[in-house]
Amino acid sequence: MSFVGGPNGFLPRAGPSNPFGIHQGPSEAGPTMIGDPQFDIFEWHPAYQSCQRYFLDHAQHDGTVQAVAALVNITLPFQWSTSPVFSASTTPPHSTGPAAYPMPWAPRPVPSSSHLPRPGHPSSVINWVSLVPYIRRLVVTGFDTSGILHGFFGDDWRKGIGPLQECERRNYLFAAKSVGWAKVKFQYDMSPHEAVPFLKPLQNVKLEEIEGAEKTWSQWLAMEDWMVGPRAPETMDEAPAPSVED
């Protein structure tokens, strides 16, 4: 499948009608959670929450984000027929308009544990929606470019969802190595109404990413043979893996 214009057909610079331009924001270099002992979950989590808020409050209501979601066949939270989520802080009543789809398996919003009511404090529950299904769908369809990820998840995308993108890219490599095309596609189909329409080979791959995946794959093969702990081969020592950038 080919697209006209910039990466996947989008213009190279962001604007009011095009949030998918290449953006050099504050999240220029994101952390990595694969083999990096210095990865700090407490620094990562606020950035991830920022991505969640941006996705729910802004991105899902933008026409260009909706167009990409339609092309890769994944519903946005406000389109869920069951408990649609229109923003990070409120959940309007059940939607019956054109954006409502008859899908009983649609995810339900979950309150964020960091925003649960505390004794002596008023209730301040926000909607929690996992971003992983969207990251996975963008990866396997070749849409996980920096411009599109910025359009979906905002300025903090590198720190917030960059580590998850890295993991999902590696998972995609491992899935392709483990089974054939039909089974890989089945693993990425979310439901009969949200089957992935096409799979593309991993895009913007660098040698460091392939070498890191090869090492981790070797570690998994050792795991299958119980060669872990005191029996682990000396060559399996952990080493930090590079971040994925395009």
C-alpha atoms as a PDB file:
ATOM      1  CA  MET A   1       0.000   0.000   0.000  1.00  0.00           C
ATOM      2  CA  SER A   2       1.481   3.331  -1.040  1.00  0.00           C
ATOM      3  CA  PHE A   3       0.662   6.842   0.082  1.00  0.00           C
ATOM      4  CA  VAL A   4       1.169  10.193  -1.591  1.00  0.00           C
ATOM      5  CA  GLY A   5       3.108  12.982   0.097  1.00  0.00           C
ATOM      6  CA  GLY A   6       5.296  12.671   3.173  1.00  0.00           C
ATOM      7  CA  PRO A   7       5.613   9.583   5.410  1.00  0.00           C
ATOM      8  CA  ASN A   8       2.356   7.673   4.953  1.00  0.00           C
ATOM      9  CA  GLY A   9       0.915  10.607   3.027  1.00  0.00           C
ATOM     10  CA  PHE A  10       0.995  13.297   5.705  1.00  0.00           C
ATOM     11  CA  LEU A  11       2.543  16.719   5.329  1.00  0.00           C
ATOM     12  CA  PRO A  12       5.998  17.210   6.869  1.00  0.00           C
ATOM     13  CA  ARG A  13       5.032  20.049   9.207  1.00  0.00           C
ATOM     14  CA  ALA A  14       2.307  20.344  11.809  1.00  0.00           C
ATOM     15  CA  GLY A  15      -0.481  22.888  11.643  1.00  0.00           C
ATOM     16  CA  PRO A  16      -4.038  23.439  12.887  1.00  0.00           C
ATOM     17  CA  SER A  17      -5.406  21.008  10.300  1.00  0.00           C
ATOM     18  CA  ASN A  18      -2.413  18.677  10.346  1.00  0.00           C
ATOM     19  CA  PRO A  19      -1.106  17.583  13.767  1.00  0.00           C
ATOM     20  CA  PHE A  20       1.068  14.886  12.208  1.00  0.00           C
ATOM     21  CA  GLY A  21       4.000  17.093  11.198  1.00  0.00           C
ATOM     22  CA  ILE A  22       7.472  16.259  12.417  1.00  0.00           C
ATOM     23  CA  HIS A  23       7.740  17.874  15.820  1.00  0.00           C
ATOM     24  CA  GLN A  24      10.873  18.496  17.825  1.00  0.00           C
ATOM     25  CA  GLY A  25       9.290  18.774  21.247  1.00  0.00           C
ATOM     26  CA  PRO A  26      10.479  18.422  24.829  1.00  0.00           C
ATOM     27  CA  SER A  27      10.513  14.619  24.524  1.00  0.00           C
ATOM     28  CA  GLU A  28      13.398  14.562  22.078  1.00  0.00           C
ATOM     29  CA  ALA A  29      15.071  11.486  23.576  1.00  0.00           C
ATOM     30  CA  GLY A  30      12.849   8.995  25.310  1.00  0.00           C
ATOM     31  CA  PRO A  31      13.820   6.300  27.813  1.00  0.00           C
ATOM     32  CA  THR A  32      13.953   2.622  26.953  1.00  0.00           C
ATOM     33  CA  MET A  33      12.466  -0.154  29.075  1.00  0.00           C
ATOM     34  CA  ILE A  34      14.168  -3.001  27.189  1.00  0.00           C
ATOM     35  CA  GLY A  35      17.345  -4.071  28.966  1.00  0.00           C
ATOM     36  CA  ASP A  36      17.986  -0.660  30.519  1.00  0.00           C
ATOM     37  CA  PRO A  37      18.586  -0.869  34.281  1.00  0.00           C
ATOM     38  CA  GLN A  38      18.366   2.934  34.464  1.00  0.00           C
ATOM     39  CA  PHE A  39      14.765   3.053  33.241  1.00  0.00           C
ATOM     40  CA  ASP A  40      12.805   4.990  35.874  1.00  0.00           C
ATOM     41  CA  ILE A  41       9.147   4.023  35.960  1.00  0.00           C
ATOM     42  CA  PHE A  42       8.334   7.008  38.182  1.00  0.00           C
ATOM     43  CA  GLU A  43       9.713   9.434  35.601  1.00  0.00           C
ATOM     44  CA  TRP A  44       7.992   7.590  32.763  1.00  0.00           C
ATOM     45  CA  HIS A  45       4.503   7.370  34.279  1.00  0.00           C
ATOM     46  CA  PRO A  46       3.654  11.118  34.366  1.00  0.00           C
ATOM     47  CA  ALA A  47       4.637  11.381  30.697  1.00  0.00           C
ATOM     48  CA  TYR A  48       2.407   8.410  29.865  1.00  0.00           C
ATOM     49  CA  GLN A  49      -0.484  10.052  31.702  1.00  0.00           C
ATOM     50  CA  SER A  50       0.159  13.224  29.700  1.00  0.00           C
ATOM     51  CA  CYS A  51      -0.139  11.164  26.510  1.00  0.00           C
ATOM     52  CA  GLN A  52      -3.402   9.659  27.756  1.00  0.00           C
ATOM     53  CA  ARG A  53      -4.889  13.071  28.486  1.00  0.00           C
ATOM     54  CA  TYR A  54      -3.823  14.460  25.114  1.00  0.00           C
ATOM     55  CA  PHE A  55      -5.218  11.448  23.274  1.00  0.00           C
ATOM     56  CA  LEU A  56      -8.577  11.612  25.051  1.00  0.00           C
ATOM     57  CA  ASP A  57      -9.031  15.389  25.234  1.00  0.00           C
ATOM     58  CA  HIS A  58      -7.643  16.438  21.858  1.00  0.00           C
ATOM     59  CA  ALA A  59      -6.343  13.841  19.406  1.00  0.00           C
ATOM     60  CA  GLN A  60      -9.372  11.571  19.181  1.00  0.00           C
ATOM     61  CA  HIS A  61     -11.542  14.565  18.239  1.00  0.00           C
ATOM     62  CA  ASP A  62      -9.229  15.668  15.411  1.00  0.00           C
ATOM     63  CA  GLY A  63     -10.279  14.770  11.884  1.00  0.00           C
ATOM     64  CA  THR A  64      -6.829  13.619  10.774  1.00  0.00           C
ATOM     65  CA  VAL A  65      -6.496  11.256  13.743  1.00  0.00           C
ATOM     66  CA  GLN A  66      -9.966   9.934  13.001  1.00  0.00           C
ATOM     67  CA  ALA A  67      -8.951   9.352   9.373  1.00  0.00           C
ATOM     68  CA  VAL A  68      -5.903   7.298  10.379  1.00  0.00           C
ATOM     69  CA  ALA A  69      -7.946   5.330  12.909  1.00  0.00           C
ATOM     70  CA  ALA A  70     -10.540   4.579  10.235  1.00  0.00           C
ATOM     71  CA  LEU A  71      -7.886   3.444   7.765  1.00  0.00           C
ATOM     72  CA  VAL A  72      -6.258   1.042  10.235  1.00  0.00           C
ATOM     73  CA  ASN A  73      -9.724   0.022  11.484  1.00  0.00           C
ATOM     74  CA  ILE A  74      -9.584   0.797  15.194  1.00  0.00           C
ATOM     75  CA  THR A  75     -12.285   2.664  17.072  1.00  0.00           C
ATOM     76  CA  LEU A  76     -11.444   5.680  19.170  1.00  0.00           C
ATOM     77  CA  PRO A  77     -12.718   5.899  22.763  1.00  0.00           C
ATOM     78  CA  PHE A  78     -15.509   8.356  21.918  1.00  0.00           C
ATOM     79  CA  GLN A  79     -16.763   5.863  19.301  1.00  0.00           C
ATOM     80  CA  TRP A  80     -17.253   2.966  21.712  1.00  0.00           C
ATOM     81  CA  SER A  81     -20.884   1.875  21.843  1.00  0.00           C
ATOM     82  CA  THR A  82     -20.471   0.830  25.480  1.00  0.00           C
ATOM     83  CA  SER A  83     -19.285   3.546  27.872  1.00  0.00           C
ATOM     84  CA  PRO A  84     -17.771   5.927  25.300  1.00  0.00           C
ATOM     85  CA  VAL A  85     -15.018   8.172  26.630  1.00  0.00           C
ATOM     86  CA  PHE A  86     -15.061  11.738  25.318  1.00  0.00           C
ATOM     87  CA  SER A  87     -12.338  13.189  27.530  1.00  0.00           C
ATOM     88  CA  ALA A  88      -9.935  12.319  30.302  1.00  0.00           C
ATOM     89  CA  SER A  89     -12.194  13.711  33.033  1.00  0.00           C
ATOM     90  CA  THR A  90     -15.801  13.108  31.987  1.00  0.00           C
ATOM     91  CA  THR A  91     -17.918  10.341  30.491  1.00  0.00           C
ATOM     92  CA  PRO A  92     -21.116  11.593  28.785  1.00  0.00           C
ATOM     93  CA  PRO A  93     -24.178   9.322  28.576  1.00  0.00           C
ATOM     94  CA  HIS A  94     -24.369   6.434  26.116  1.00  0.00           C
ATOM     95  CA  SER A  95     -23.766   7.551  22.533  1.00  0.00           C
ATOM     96  CA  THR A  96     -26.372   6.736  19.896  1.00  0.00           C
ATOM     97  CA  GLY A  97     -25.096   8.873  17.015  1.00  0.00           C
ATOM     98  CA  PRO A  98     -23.141   7.917  13.893  1.00  0.00           C
ATOM     99  CA  ALA A  99     -19.997   7.301  15.959  1.00  0.00           C
ATOM    100  CA  ALA A 100     -21.686   4.587  18.035  1.00  0.00           C
ATOM    101  CA  TYR A 101     -20.843   1.041  16.972  1.00  0.00           C
ATOM    102  CA  PRO A 102     -22.664  -2.137  18.132  1.00  0.00           C
ATOM    103  CA  MET A 103     -19.649  -3.718  19.807  1.00  0.00           C
ATOM    104  CA  PRO A 104     -20.381  -5.328  23.189  1.00  0.00           C
ATOM    105  CA  TRP A 105     -16.664  -5.999  23.621  1.00  0.00           C
ATOM    106  CA  ALA A 106     -15.707  -2.323  23.591  1.00  0.00           C
ATOM    107  CA  PRO A 107     -13.325  -1.515  26.472  1.00  0.00           C
ATOM    108  CA  ARG A 108     -14.646   0.216  29.553  1.00  0.00           C
ATOM    109  CA  PRO A 109     -12.877   3.180  31.163  1.00  0.00           C
ATOM    110  CA  VAL A 110     -11.008   2.388  34.353  1.00  0.00           C
ATOM    111  CA  PRO A 111     -10.299   5.011  37.033  1.00  0.00           C
ATOM    112  CA  SER A 112      -6.632   5.850  37.356  1.00  0.00           C
ATOM    113  CA  SER A 113      -5.288   4.604  40.697  1.00  0.00           C
ATOM    114  CA  SER A 114      -3.320   7.826  41.115  1.00  0.00           C
ATOM    115  CA  HIS A 115      -6.579   9.799  40.965  1.00  0.00           C
ATOM    116  CA  LEU A 116      -8.794   7.684  43.216  1.00  0.00           C
ATOM    117  CA  PRO A 117     -10.584   9.536  46.018  1.00  0.00           C
ATOM    118  CA  ARG A 118      -8.608   9.823  49.236  1.00  0.00           C
ATOM    119  CA  PRO A 119     -10.017  10.060  52.754  1.00  0.00           C
ATOM    120  CA  GLY A 120     -10.895  13.666  53.500  1.00  0.00           C
ATOM    121  CA  HIS A 121     -10.514  14.735  49.864  1.00  0.00           C
ATOM    122  CA  PRO A 122     -13.239  15.255  47.260  1.00  0.00           C
ATOM    123  CA  SER A 123     -13.608  12.712  44.465  1.00  0.00           C
ATOM    124  CA  SER A 124     -11.369  13.414  41.446  1.00  0.00           C
ATOM    125  CA  VAL A 125     -11.598  10.287  39.283  1.00  0.00           C
ATOM    126  CA  ILE A 126     -10.373  10.517  35.698  1.00  0.00           C
ATOM    127  CA  ASN A 127     -10.975   8.086  32.859  1.00  0.00           C
ATOM    128  CA  TRP A 128      -8.180   5.630  32.180  1.00  0.00           C
ATOM    129  CA  VAL A 129      -7.804   4.203  28.673  1.00  0.00           C
ATOM    130  CA  SER A 130      -4.900   1.990  27.632  1.00  0.00           C
ATOM    131  CA  LEU A 131      -2.870   3.364  24.738  1.00  0.00           C
ATOM    132  CA  VAL A 132      -1.235   0.013  23.940  1.00  0.00           C
ATOM    133  CA  PRO A 133      -3.889  -1.184  21.419  1.00  0.00           C
ATOM    134  CA  TYR A 134      -3.390   2.015  19.419  1.00  0.00           C
ATOM    135  CA  ILE A 135       0.404   1.748  19.537  1.00  0.00           C
ATOM    136  CA  ARG A 136       0.228  -1.883  18.385  1.00  0.00           C
ATOM    137  CA  ARG A 137      -2.070  -1.040  15.480  1.00  0.00           C
ATOM    138  CA  LEU A 138       0.144   1.843  14.338  1.00  0.00           C
ATOM    139  CA  VAL A 139       3.256  -0.358  14.511  1.00  0.00           C
ATOM    140  CA  VAL A 140       1.921  -3.260  12.451  1.00  0.00           C
ATOM    141  CA  THR A 141       0.421  -0.992   9.785  1.00  0.00           C
ATOM    142  CA  GLY A 142       3.587   1.079   9.403  1.00  0.00           C
ATOM    143  CA  PHE A 143       2.102   4.248  10.886  1.00  0.00           C
ATOM    144  CA  ASP A 144       4.362   4.540  13.953  1.00  0.00           C
ATOM    145  CA  THR A 145       6.304   7.503  12.582  1.00  0.00           C
ATOM    146  CA  SER A 146       7.295  10.378  14.851  1.00  0.00           C
ATOM    147  CA  GLY A 147       4.819  12.760  13.212  1.00  0.00           C
ATOM    148  CA  ILE A 148       1.847  10.446  13.604  1.00  0.00           C
ATOM    149  CA  LEU A 149       2.767   9.461  17.157  1.00  0.00           C
ATOM    150  CA  HIS A 150       3.020  13.148  18.041  1.00  0.00           C
ATOM    151  CA  GLY A 151      -0.396  13.741  16.485  1.00  0.00           C
ATOM    152  CA  PHE A 152      -1.939  10.930  18.505  1.00  0.00           C
ATOM    153  CA  PHE A 153      -0.176  11.394  21.839  1.00  0.00           C
ATOM    154  CA  GLY A 154       1.177  14.935  22.070  1.00  0.00           C
ATOM    155  CA  ASP A 155       4.493  16.557  22.958  1.00  0.00           C
ATOM    156  CA  ASP A 156       5.425  13.947  25.584  1.00  0.00           C
ATOM    157  CA  TRP A 157       5.063  10.977  23.251  1.00  0.00           C
ATOM    158  CA  ARG A 158       8.763  10.051  23.239  1.00  0.00           C
ATOM    159  CA  LYS A 159       8.950   9.728  27.022  1.00  0.00           C
ATOM    160  CA  GLY A 160       5.377   8.553  27.489  1.00  0.00           C
ATOM    161  CA  ILE A 161       4.727   5.991  24.771  1.00  0.00           C
ATOM    162  CA  GLY A 162       8.183   5.759  23.156  1.00  0.00           C
ATOM    163  CA  PRO A 163       9.218   2.888  25.460  1.00  0.00           C
ATOM    164  CA  LEU A 164       5.990   1.038  24.642  1.00  0.00           C
ATOM    165  CA  GLN A 165       6.516   1.622  20.927  1.00  0.00           C
ATOM    166  CA  GLU A 166       9.968   0.094  21.256  1.00  0.00           C
ATOM    167  CA  CYS A 167       8.532  -2.968  23.012  1.00  0.00           C
ATOM    168  CA  GLU A 168       5.751  -3.399  20.469  1.00  0.00           C
ATOM    169  CA  ARG A 169       8.157  -3.119  17.545  1.00  0.00           C
ATOM    170  CA  ARG A 170      10.218  -5.910  19.072  1.00  0.00           C
ATOM    171  CA  ASN A 171       7.101  -7.955  19.777  1.00  0.00           C
ATOM    172  CA  TYR A 172       6.131  -7.578  16.114  1.00  0.00           C
ATOM    173  CA  LEU A 173       9.550  -8.853  15.035  1.00  0.00           C
ATOM    174  CA  PHE A 174       9.223 -11.803  17.394  1.00  0.00           C
ATOM    175  CA  ALA A 175       5.701 -12.608  16.208  1.00  0.00           C
ATOM    176  CA  ALA A 176       6.870 -12.656  12.590  1.00  0.00           C
ATOM    177  CA  LYS A 177       9.741 -14.967  13.524  1.00  0.00           C
ATOM    178  CA  SER A 178       7.533 -17.300  15.573  1.00  0.00           C
ATOM    179  CA  VAL A 179       4.574 -18.036  13.268  1.00  0.00           C
ATOM    180  CA  GLY A 180       3.256 -17.441   9.756  1.00  0.00           C
ATOM    181  CA  TRP A 181       1.404 -14.438   8.384  1.00  0.00           C
ATOM    182  CA  ALA A 182      -2.112 -15.697   9.137  1.00  0.00           C
ATOM    183  CA  LYS A 183      -1.336 -16.328  12.809  1.00  0.00           C
ATOM    184  CA  VAL A 184       0.454 -13.008  13.149  1.00  0.00           C
ATOM    185  CA  LYS A 185      -2.568 -11.226  11.712  1.00  0.00           C
ATOM    186  CA  PHE A 186      -4.850 -13.163  14.051  1.00  0.00           C
ATOM    187  CA  GLN A 187      -2.812 -11.986  17.041  1.00  0.00           C
ATOM    188  CA  TYR A 188      -3.272  -8.362  15.978  1.00  0.00           C
ATOM    189  CA  ASP A 189      -6.980  -8.611  15.136  1.00  0.00           C
ATOM    190  CA  MET A 190      -8.836  -7.040  18.062  1.00  0.00           C
ATOM    191  CA  SER A 191     -12.368  -8.196  17.211  1.00  0.00           C
ATOM    192  CA  PRO A 192     -14.445  -9.072  14.123  1.00  0.00           C
ATOM    193  CA  HIS A 193     -15.202  -5.359  13.715  1.00  0.00           C
ATOM    194  CA  GLU A 194     -11.623  -4.246  14.356  1.00  0.00           C
ATOM    195  CA  ALA A 195      -9.582  -6.740  12.354  1.00  0.00           C
ATOM    196  CA  VAL A 196      -6.318  -5.277  11.130  1.00  0.00           C
ATOM    197  CA  PRO A 197      -6.859  -4.520   7.408  1.00  0.00           C
ATOM    198  CA  PHE A 198      -3.216  -4.995   6.394  1.00  0.00           C
ATOM    199  CA  LEU A 199       0.200  -5.723   7.847  1.00  0.00           C
ATOM    200  CA  LYS A 200       3.361  -3.953   6.745  1.00  0.00           C
ATOM    201  CA  PRO A 201       6.939  -4.997   7.469  1.00  0.00           C
ATOM    202  CA  LEU A 202       8.456  -2.990  10.306  1.00  0.00           C
ATOM    203  CA  GLN A 203       9.305   0.514   9.096  1.00  0.00           C
ATOM    204  CA  ASN A 204      12.354   2.739   9.718  1.00  0.00           C
ATOM    205  CA  VAL A 205      14.410  -0.097  11.164  1.00  0.00           C
ATOM    206  CA  LYS A 206      17.989   0.555  12.256  1.00  0.00           C
ATOM    207  CA  LEU A 207      20.767  -1.987  12.619  1.00  0.00           C
ATOM    208  CA  GLU A 208      20.929  -1.395  16.380  1.00  0.00           C
ATOM    209  CA  GLU A 209      17.273  -2.333  16.689  1.00  0.00           C
ATOM    210  CA  ILE A 210      17.774  -5.595  14.789  1.00  0.00           C
ATOM    211  CA  GLU A 211      20.854  -6.506  16.814  1.00  0.00           C
ATOM    212  CA  GLY A 212      19.035  -5.764  20.067  1.00  0.00           C
ATOM    213  CA  ALA A 213      16.111  -7.929  18.977  1.00  0.00           C
ATOM    214  CA  GLU A 214      18.462 -10.761  18.002  1.00  0.00           C
ATOM    215  CA  LYS A 215      20.056 -10.710  21.434  1.00  0.00           C
ATOM    216  CA  THR A 216      16.704 -10.705  23.211  1.00  0.00           C
ATOM    217  CA  TRP A 217      15.467 -13.516  20.969  1.00  0.00           C
ATOM    218  CA  SER A 218      18.512 -15.570  21.924  1.00  0.00           C
ATOM    219  CA  GLN A 219      17.676 -14.939  25.573  1.00  0.00           C
ATOM    220  CA  TRP A 220      14.162 -16.222  24.957  1.00  0.00           C
ATOM    221  CA  LEU A 221      15.478 -19.392  23.283  1.00  0.00           C
ATOM    222  CA  ALA A 222      17.681 -19.908  26.331  1.00  0.00           C
ATOM    223  CA  MET A 223      14.584 -19.482  28.501  1.00  0.00           C
ATOM    224  CA  GLU A 224      12.846 -22.259  26.537  1.00  0.00           C
ATOM    225  CA  ASP A 225      15.767 -24.546  27.393  1.00  0.00           C
ATOM    226  CA  TRP A 226      15.764 -23.407  31.056  1.00  0.00           C
ATOM    227  CA  MET A 227      19.169 -21.820  30.552  1.00  0.00           C
ATOM    228  CA  VAL A 228      18.471 -18.997  32.999  1.00  0.00           C
ATOM    229  CA  GLY A 229      19.914 -17.822  36.289  1.00  0.00           C
ATOM    230  CA  PRO A 230      23.067 -19.791  37.140  1.00  0.00           C
ATOM    231  CA  ARG A 231      22.703 -21.746  33.874  1.00  0.00           C
ATOM    232  CA  ALA A 232      22.468 -18.688  31.635  1.00  0.00           C
ATOM    233  CA  PRO A 233      25.205 -18.440  28.976  1.00  0.00           C
ATOM    234  CA  GLU A 234      27.781 -15.759  29.719  1.00  0.00           C
ATOM    235  CA  THR A 235      26.986 -14.069  26.408  1.00  0.00           C
ATOM    236  CA  MET A 236      23.448 -13.380  27.641  1.00  0.00           C
ATOM    237  CA  ASP A 237      24.524 -10.566  29.975  1.00  0.00           C
ATOM    238  CA  GLU A 238      22.099  -7.673  29.812  1.00  0.00           C
ATOM    239  CA  ALA A 239      23.108  -4.504  27.978  1.00  0.00           C
ATOM    240  CA  PRO A 240      21.140  -1.301  27.429  1.00  0.00           C
ATOM    241  CA  ALA A 241      19.203  -1.262  24.176  1.00  0.00           C
ATOM    242  CA  PRO A 242      19.000   1.813  21.945  1.00  0.00           C
ATOM    243  CA  SER A 243      15.803   3.822  21.643  1.00  0.00           C
ATOM    244  CA  VAL A 244      13.784   3.662  18.443  1.00  0.00           C
ATOM    245  CA  GLU A 245      13.580   6.893  16.487  1.00  0.00           C
ATOM    246  CA  ASP A 246      12.659   7.495  12.884  1.00  0.00           C
END
